[in-house]
């Protein structure tokens, strides 16, 4: 084990330890409060380029298995944890957490004071950081962070998205998925509904999608702030009102841009599995899993004709759901996670009924 540090762009430095080959990386520092799901978070394309801090103090205790990866690899710039378990116990586990991060070549710092770090980010907001095992001075590290901020271009869609259109199964109604970094768990739910799932690259044109005559389009979750998102939104404009569209997380933001609304960055994003979503006119709230740092601007969305806000976050009143029956669009800012083994989220069931009615 050797000393490793996390330097934040505001000058605060946290120390920990690392082992193995350690690559110096820079990225936006976010923290996730979920108790389980470390493998899914690490392989979620929406986290591309991020330095992920896991606030639960013990990581790796149930091991890892390839089938739980949300994509083909980790897209993180770095990982920060409090304590790594040296043993694991789970009937589905195939390898240890240590073996997993080594295969992913993921720079990982452990023995970090993640509680103090999370409190600092909660107060100051998300910011850039740098993981390093080198003996650089704080001044040298801050210089590297500032240079990164000036020069770096957010270009992750071209890496995480599929390269050409692919069909997973030809057994039912056709559904198109625009891959901004679609999660395997999302595709699994769509297949469970008996759909023929056609996955399109992020830059697919409206004409290409319409060519297969789908009953609807799903714009997946994925990395935010990407330079290609405005172009994706322009492509989507031609499909709004033509076929039913469901936007998920970043996909909802793209859909909102296509409708003419604006998006804005949050001081502190939603990254965890306990965010309450309230439906106006009811006394019910649903607890959701979320992973985003941007939201749709409320004032701009209220100006869009025929679009209704159907869900708010109970904590900060940010938009969680939007819908337009006339334009045949639905947007959810949260993750439509499966409620149980081989079960399907009500979001997908609702969209499927919506798509069938529109035919």
Protein backbone atom coordinates (compact mmCIF):
# COMPACT_ATOMS: atom_id res chain seq x y z
CA UNK A 1 0.00 0.00 0.00
CA UNK A 2 1.20 3.48 -0.79
CA UNK A 3 -0.02 6.98 -0.11
CA UNK A 4 -2.62 8.42 -2.48
CA UNK A 5 -4.41 11.76 -2.48
CA UNK A 6 -7.57 13.36 -3.75
CA UNK A 7 -7.07 17.05 -4.50
CA UNK A 8 -10.22 19.15 -4.98
CA UNK A 9 -10.23 22.23 -7.18
CA UNK A 10 -11.01 24.45 -4.18
CA UNK A 11 -7.64 23.48 -2.68
CA UNK A 12 -8.82 20.94 -0.08
CA UNK A 13 -6.76 17.74 -0.06
CA UNK A 14 -7.77 14.31 1.28
CA UNK A 15 -5.30 11.48 1.84
CA UNK A 16 -5.72 7.73 1.63
CA UNK A 17 -3.89 4.68 0.36
CA UNK A 18 -3.78 2.67 -2.85
CA UNK A 19 -2.22 -0.50 -4.13
CA UNK A 20 -1.03 -1.72 -7.52
CA UNK A 21 -0.50 0.48 -10.56
CA UNK A 22 -2.10 3.86 -9.96
CA UNK A 23 -2.96 6.22 -12.81
CA UNK A 24 -3.29 9.94 -12.20
CA UNK A 25 -6.77 11.07 -13.27
CA UNK A 26 -8.93 14.21 -13.16
CA UNK A 27 -12.74 14.34 -13.14
CA UNK A 28 -15.78 15.80 -11.44
CA UNK A 29 -16.13 14.42 -7.92
CA UNK A 30 -19.57 13.02 -7.04
CA UNK A 31 -20.70 10.89 -4.13
CA UNK A 32 -23.32 8.15 -4.06
CA UNK A 33 -25.15 7.27 -0.85
CA UNK A 34 -26.42 3.80 -1.84
CA UNK A 35 -25.63 0.94 0.53
CA UNK A 36 -25.29 -1.69 -2.21
CA UNK A 37 -24.71 -1.67 -5.96
CA UNK A 38 -21.04 -0.69 -6.13
CA UNK A 39 -20.44 -2.82 -9.23
CA UNK A 40 -23.43 -1.33 -11.03
CA UNK A 41 -22.34 2.21 -10.17
CA UNK A 42 -18.78 1.61 -11.33
CA UNK A 43 -19.94 0.27 -14.72
CA UNK A 44 -22.77 2.79 -15.27
CA UNK A 45 -21.90 4.83 -18.44
CA UNK A 46 -23.64 7.85 -16.87
CA UNK A 47 -20.60 8.09 -14.55
CA UNK A 48 -18.11 8.36 -17.41
CA UNK A 49 -15.20 10.61 -16.48
CA UNK A 50 -16.32 11.03 -12.86
CA UNK A 51 -14.42 10.42 -9.64
CA UNK A 52 -16.96 8.43 -7.65
CA UNK A 53 -17.03 8.54 -3.86
CA UNK A 54 -18.96 5.73 -2.18
CA UNK A 55 -20.23 6.88 1.21
CA UNK A 56 -21.11 3.44 2.56
CA UNK A 57 -18.06 2.56 4.68
CA UNK A 58 -17.47 -1.07 3.63
CA UNK A 59 -17.13 -1.95 -0.05
CA UNK A 60 -16.58 -5.37 -1.62
CA UNK A 61 -18.17 -7.57 1.04
CA UNK A 62 -20.41 -9.41 -1.45
CA UNK A 63 -17.85 -9.66 -4.25
CA UNK A 64 -18.58 -9.17 -7.96
CA UNK A 65 -19.92 -11.08 -10.96
CA UNK A 66 -19.76 -10.10 -14.62
CA UNK A 67 -23.51 -10.47 -15.09
CA UNK A 68 -24.09 -7.46 -12.82
CA UNK A 69 -22.07 -5.06 -14.98
CA UNK A 70 -24.25 -2.31 -16.45
CA UNK A 71 -21.94 -1.98 -19.47
CA UNK A 72 -18.83 -3.63 -20.90
CA UNK A 73 -16.39 -1.79 -18.60
CA UNK A 74 -15.89 0.95 -16.04
CA UNK A 75 -15.91 4.50 -17.39
CA UNK A 76 -14.86 6.18 -14.14
CA UNK A 77 -11.83 8.43 -13.81
CA UNK A 78 -11.35 7.21 -10.25
CA UNK A 79 -12.98 5.59 -7.21
CA UNK A 80 -12.76 6.66 -3.56
CA UNK A 81 -13.84 4.43 -0.67
CA UNK A 82 -13.46 4.17 3.10
CA UNK A 83 -12.66 0.49 3.56
CA UNK A 84 -12.28 -2.45 1.18
CA UNK A 85 -13.37 -5.86 2.45
CA UNK A 86 -10.69 -8.54 2.22
CA UNK A 87 -13.30 -11.31 2.13
CA UNK A 88 -16.58 -11.66 0.25
CA UNK A 89 -19.63 -13.84 0.65
CA UNK A 90 -22.40 -14.20 -1.92
CA UNK A 91 -23.62 -17.25 -3.79
CA UNK A 92 -23.53 -15.34 -7.08
CA UNK A 93 -20.04 -13.86 -6.64
CA UNK A 94 -17.33 -14.96 -9.07
CA UNK A 95 -14.41 -12.82 -7.95
CA UNK A 96 -13.35 -10.35 -5.28
CA UNK A 97 -13.74 -6.60 -5.45
CA UNK A 98 -9.94 -6.29 -5.60
CA UNK A 99 -9.81 -8.54 -8.66
CA UNK A 100 -12.62 -6.56 -10.25
CA UNK A 101 -10.99 -3.13 -9.93
CA UNK A 102 -7.67 -4.55 -11.08
CA UNK A 103 -9.27 -5.91 -14.25
CA UNK A 104 -10.97 -2.55 -14.79
CA UNK A 105 -7.63 -0.75 -14.27
CA UNK A 106 -9.56 1.64 -12.05
CA UNK A 107 -7.53 4.06 -9.87
CA UNK A 108 -8.93 3.44 -6.41
CA UNK A 109 -8.15 5.21 -3.15
CA UNK A 110 -9.15 3.54 0.11
CA UNK A 111 -8.82 4.49 3.78
CA UNK A 112 -10.28 7.88 2.84
CA UNK A 113 -12.42 9.94 5.22
CA UNK A 114 -15.44 9.71 2.91
CA UNK A 115 -17.82 11.13 5.51
CA UNK A 116 -15.95 14.43 5.77
CA UNK A 117 -15.47 14.49 2.00
CA UNK A 118 -19.21 13.97 1.38
CA UNK A 119 -20.11 16.71 3.87
CA UNK A 120 -17.69 19.10 2.15
CA UNK A 121 -19.19 18.40 -1.29
CA UNK A 122 -22.70 18.72 0.11
CA UNK A 123 -21.84 22.18 1.42
CA UNK A 124 -19.67 23.45 -1.44
CA UNK A 125 -21.19 21.55 -4.36
CA UNK A 126 -19.76 19.18 -6.93
CA UNK A 127 -16.36 20.17 -8.27
CA UNK A 128 -13.37 18.86 -10.15
CA UNK A 129 -10.83 16.74 -8.37
CA UNK A 130 -7.70 14.75 -9.06
CA UNK A 131 -6.63 11.35 -7.78
CA UNK A 132 -2.87 10.96 -7.60
CA UNK A 133 -0.26 8.76 -6.03
CA UNK A 134 2.60 10.96 -7.21
CA UNK A 135 4.66 13.15 -4.94
CA UNK A 136 3.43 16.37 -6.49
CA UNK A 137 2.87 19.47 -4.36
CA UNK A 138 -0.70 20.76 -3.89
CA UNK A 139 0.20 23.72 -6.09
CA UNK A 140 1.30 21.44 -8.93
CA UNK A 141 -1.89 19.39 -8.67
CA UNK A 142 -4.10 22.50 -8.70
CA UNK A 143 -2.27 23.72 -11.80
CA UNK A 144 -3.08 20.43 -13.53
CA UNK A 145 -6.75 20.71 -12.51
CA UNK A 146 -7.00 24.29 -13.81
CA UNK A 147 -5.38 23.31 -17.11
CA UNK A 148 -7.80 20.39 -17.40
CA UNK A 149 -10.74 22.73 -16.85
CA UNK A 150 -9.60 25.00 -19.68
CA UNK A 151 -8.68 22.37 -22.24
CA UNK A 152 -10.79 19.25 -21.66
CA UNK A 153 -13.66 18.42 -24.01
CA UNK A 154 -16.46 16.21 -22.69
CA UNK A 155 -16.68 13.56 -25.40
CA UNK A 156 -17.99 10.33 -23.89
CA UNK A 157 -20.98 9.47 -26.06
CA UNK A 158 -18.72 8.42 -28.91
CA UNK A 159 -17.08 5.94 -26.51
CA UNK A 160 -20.01 4.52 -24.53
CA UNK A 161 -22.59 4.30 -27.33
CA UNK A 162 -22.97 1.33 -29.66
CA UNK A 163 -21.23 1.72 -33.02
CA UNK A 164 -23.98 0.40 -35.31
CA UNK A 165 -27.63 -0.53 -35.04
CA UNK A 166 -28.16 -3.87 -33.30
CA UNK A 167 -31.28 -5.95 -32.71
CA UNK A 168 -31.38 -7.98 -29.48
CA UNK A 169 -34.39 -10.13 -30.35
CA UNK A 170 -37.02 -10.39 -33.07
CA UNK A 171 -40.01 -11.67 -31.17
CA UNK A 172 -42.54 -8.88 -30.66
CA UNK A 173 -43.35 -5.23 -31.24
CA UNK A 174 -40.35 -3.17 -32.26
CA UNK A 175 -38.97 -0.62 -29.80
CA UNK A 176 -36.05 1.65 -30.68
CA UNK A 177 -33.45 2.59 -28.06
CA UNK A 178 -31.18 5.57 -28.65
CA UNK A 179 -28.01 4.53 -26.87
CA UNK A 180 -26.54 7.40 -24.88
CA UNK A 181 -25.06 4.83 -22.51
CA UNK A 182 -27.94 2.44 -22.02
CA UNK A 183 -27.72 0.16 -19.00
CA UNK A 184 -27.99 -3.61 -19.35
CA UNK A 185 -30.66 -3.66 -16.65
CA UNK A 186 -32.82 -1.40 -18.84
CA UNK A 187 -32.45 -3.68 -21.86
CA UNK A 188 -33.24 -6.71 -19.71
CA UNK A 189 -36.56 -5.19 -18.67
CA UNK A 190 -37.48 -4.37 -22.28
CA UNK A 191 -36.74 -7.94 -23.34
CA UNK A 192 -38.87 -9.20 -20.43
CA UNK A 193 -41.80 -7.31 -21.97
CA UNK A 194 -41.45 -9.43 -25.09
CA UNK A 195 -40.22 -6.60 -27.31
CA UNK A 196 -37.90 -6.63 -30.29
CA UNK A 197 -35.27 -4.17 -29.09
CA UNK A 198 -33.38 -2.19 -31.74
CA UNK A 199 -30.43 -0.25 -30.29
CA UNK A 200 -29.24 2.78 -32.27
CA UNK A 201 -26.00 4.78 -31.96
CA UNK A 202 -26.34 8.17 -30.27
CA UNK A 203 -25.91 10.05 -33.59
CA UNK A 204 -28.64 8.11 -35.43
CA UNK A 205 -30.86 10.30 -37.62
CA UNK A 206 -34.63 10.40 -37.27
CA UNK A 207 -35.01 8.79 -40.70
CA UNK A 208 -32.88 5.81 -39.66
CA UNK A 209 -35.00 5.21 -36.57
CA UNK A 210 -38.31 5.55 -38.43
CA UNK A 211 -37.12 3.12 -41.09
CA UNK A 212 -37.68 0.11 -38.79
CA UNK A 213 -41.23 1.34 -37.98
CA UNK A 214 -40.94 1.14 -34.17
CA UNK A 215 -43.90 1.48 -31.84
CA UNK A 216 -41.82 3.91 -29.77
CA UNK A 217 -38.38 5.31 -28.96
CA UNK A 218 -36.53 5.23 -25.64
CA UNK A 219 -33.71 7.75 -25.13
CA UNK A 220 -31.45 6.10 -22.57
CA UNK A 221 -29.57 7.51 -19.62
CA UNK A 222 -25.93 8.40 -20.13
CA UNK A 223 -23.19 10.95 -19.47
CA UNK A 224 -24.32 14.56 -19.13
CA UNK A 225 -22.48 17.66 -20.38
CA UNK A 226 -21.34 15.85 -23.53
CA UNK A 227 -20.54 18.02 -26.55
CA UNK A 228 -22.79 15.84 -28.74
CA UNK A 229 -26.00 16.26 -26.70
CA UNK A 230 -27.25 19.39 -28.57
CA UNK A 231 -26.88 17.50 -31.87
CA UNK A 232 -28.76 14.53 -30.42
CA UNK A 233 -31.55 16.90 -29.31
CA UNK A 234 -31.78 18.36 -32.82
CA UNK A 235 -32.20 14.85 -34.26
CA UNK A 236 -34.91 14.07 -31.71
CA UNK A 237 -36.94 17.17 -32.64
CA UNK A 238 -38.00 15.50 -35.88
CA UNK A 239 -39.48 12.56 -33.95
CA UNK A 240 -41.48 14.49 -31.34
CA UNK A 241 -45.16 14.05 -32.10
CA UNK A 242 -44.39 11.39 -34.71
CA UNK A 243 -43.72 8.38 -32.48
CA UNK A 244 -44.04 7.94 -28.71
CA UNK A 245 -40.80 8.84 -26.88
CA UNK A 246 -39.59 8.00 -23.39
CA UNK A 247 -36.55 9.87 -22.05
CA UNK A 248 -34.65 8.46 -19.06
CA UNK A 249 -32.40 10.67 -16.88
CA UNK A 250 -30.00 12.28 -19.39
CA UNK A 251 -32.44 11.09 -22.05
CA UNK A 252 -35.16 13.19 -20.41
CA UNK A 253 -32.87 16.21 -20.60
CA UNK A 254 -32.27 15.59 -24.32
CA UNK A 255 -36.02 15.25 -24.83
CA UNK A 256 -36.60 18.54 -22.97
CA UNK A 257 -34.02 20.28 -25.18
CA UNK A 258 -35.79 18.90 -28.22
CA UNK A 259 -39.07 20.33 -26.93
CA UNK A 260 -37.45 23.76 -26.54
CA UNK A 261 -36.89 23.76 -22.77
CA UNK A 262 -33.60 24.43 -20.98
CA UNK A 263 -31.55 22.35 -18.56
CA UNK A 264 -29.44 23.55 -15.66
CA UNK A 265 -26.70 22.15 -13.48
CA UNK A 266 -27.45 21.46 -9.83
CA UNK A 267 -25.18 22.52 -7.00
CA UNK A 268 -25.31 18.93 -5.78
CA UNK A 269 -26.71 16.25 -8.04
CA UNK A 270 -28.92 13.32 -7.11
CA UNK A 271 -26.79 10.20 -6.74
CA UNK A 272 -28.36 7.47 -4.64
CA UNK A 273 -31.38 5.21 -4.21
CA UNK A 274 -33.63 7.02 -1.74
CA UNK A 275 -35.00 10.09 -3.56
CA UNK A 276 -38.74 10.68 -3.04
CA UNK A 277 -40.81 11.63 -6.10
CA UNK A 278 -44.19 13.25 -5.51
CA UNK A 279 -47.08 13.19 -7.98
CA UNK A 280 -49.14 16.44 -7.85
CA UNK A 281 -52.72 15.91 -6.74
CA UNK A 282 -51.95 12.78 -4.75
CA UNK A 283 -50.78 11.94 -1.25
CA UNK A 284 -48.28 9.40 -2.46
CA UNK A 285 -44.53 9.49 -3.10
CA UNK A 286 -42.30 6.90 -4.69
CA UNK A 287 -38.73 6.24 -3.58
CA UNK A 288 -36.42 6.21 -6.58
CA UNK A 289 -32.82 5.58 -7.61
CA UNK A 290 -31.17 8.52 -9.36
CA UNK A 291 -27.84 9.43 -10.91
CA UNK A 292 -27.73 12.90 -12.47
CA UNK A 293 -26.24 16.35 -11.96
CA UNK A 294 -28.53 18.29 -14.32
CA UNK A 295 -32.28 18.91 -14.29
CA UNK A 296 -34.84 20.44 -16.60
CA UNK A 297 -35.44 24.12 -15.88
CA UNK A 298 -38.97 24.49 -14.49
CA UNK A 299 -39.76 27.94 -15.91
CA UNK A 300 -38.69 26.99 -19.42
CA UNK A 301 -40.68 23.74 -19.38
CA UNK A 302 -43.82 25.52 -18.17
CA UNK A 303 -43.69 27.60 -21.36
CA UNK A 304 -43.88 24.53 -23.60
CA UNK A 305 -47.42 24.00 -24.82
CA UNK A 306 -49.13 20.68 -24.07
CA UNK A 307 -46.34 19.46 -21.74
CA UNK A 308 -47.25 18.81 -18.11
CA UNK A 309 -45.00 18.31 -15.08
CA UNK A 310 -46.18 15.07 -13.49
CA UNK A 311 -43.60 14.53 -10.77
CA UNK A 312 -41.45 16.59 -8.39
CA UNK A 313 -38.61 15.76 -6.04
CA UNK A 314 -39.90 16.19 -2.50
CA UNK A 315 -36.52 17.42 -1.24
CA UNK A 316 -35.77 20.25 -3.66
CA UNK A 317 -38.85 20.51 -5.96
CA UNK A 318 -36.83 19.74 -9.09
CA UNK A 319 -38.69 18.14 -12.00
CA UNK A 320 -38.72 14.35 -11.91
CA UNK A 321 -41.42 13.55 -14.49
CA UNK A 322 -42.97 15.25 -17.49
CA UNK A 323 -45.57 14.10 -19.99
CA UNK A 324 -47.48 15.21 -23.06
CA UNK A 325 -50.33 13.02 -24.25
CA UNK A 326 -50.72 15.12 -27.37
CA UNK A 327 -47.05 14.89 -28.34
CA UNK A 328 -46.80 11.30 -27.03
CA UNK A 329 -43.76 11.90 -24.82
CA UNK A 330 -42.81 10.88 -21.30
CA UNK A 331 -39.70 11.90 -19.37
CA UNK A 332 -38.40 10.52 -16.07
CA UNK A 333 -35.33 11.97 -14.36
CA UNK A 334 -34.94 8.91 -12.12
CA UNK A 335 -33.91 5.38 -13.07
CA UNK A 336 -36.89 3.08 -13.84
CA UNK A 337 -35.34 0.23 -11.88
CA UNK A 338 -36.78 -3.27 -11.73
CA UNK A 339 -38.81 -3.70 -8.50
CA UNK A 340 -37.68 -7.31 -8.15
CA UNK A 341 -36.26 -10.40 -9.83
CA UNK A 342 -37.34 -10.45 -13.50
CA UNK A 343 -39.95 -7.75 -12.80
CA UNK A 344 -40.44 -4.64 -14.93
CA UNK A 345 -40.76 -1.01 -13.82
CA UNK A 346 -44.19 0.56 -14.16
CA UNK A 347 -42.57 3.31 -16.25
CA UNK A 348 -41.88 0.85 -19.08
CA UNK A 349 -45.31 -0.76 -18.72
CA UNK A 350 -46.96 2.65 -18.96
CA UNK A 351 -44.89 3.61 -21.99
CA UNK A 352 -45.67 0.32 -23.73
CA UNK A 353 -49.43 0.87 -23.30
CA UNK A 354 -48.92 4.43 -24.45
CA UNK A 355 -47.09 3.21 -27.57
CA UNK A 356 -49.72 0.60 -28.43
CA UNK A 357 -52.55 3.14 -28.11
CA UNK A 358 -50.78 5.50 -30.48
CA UNK A 359 -50.57 2.95 -33.29
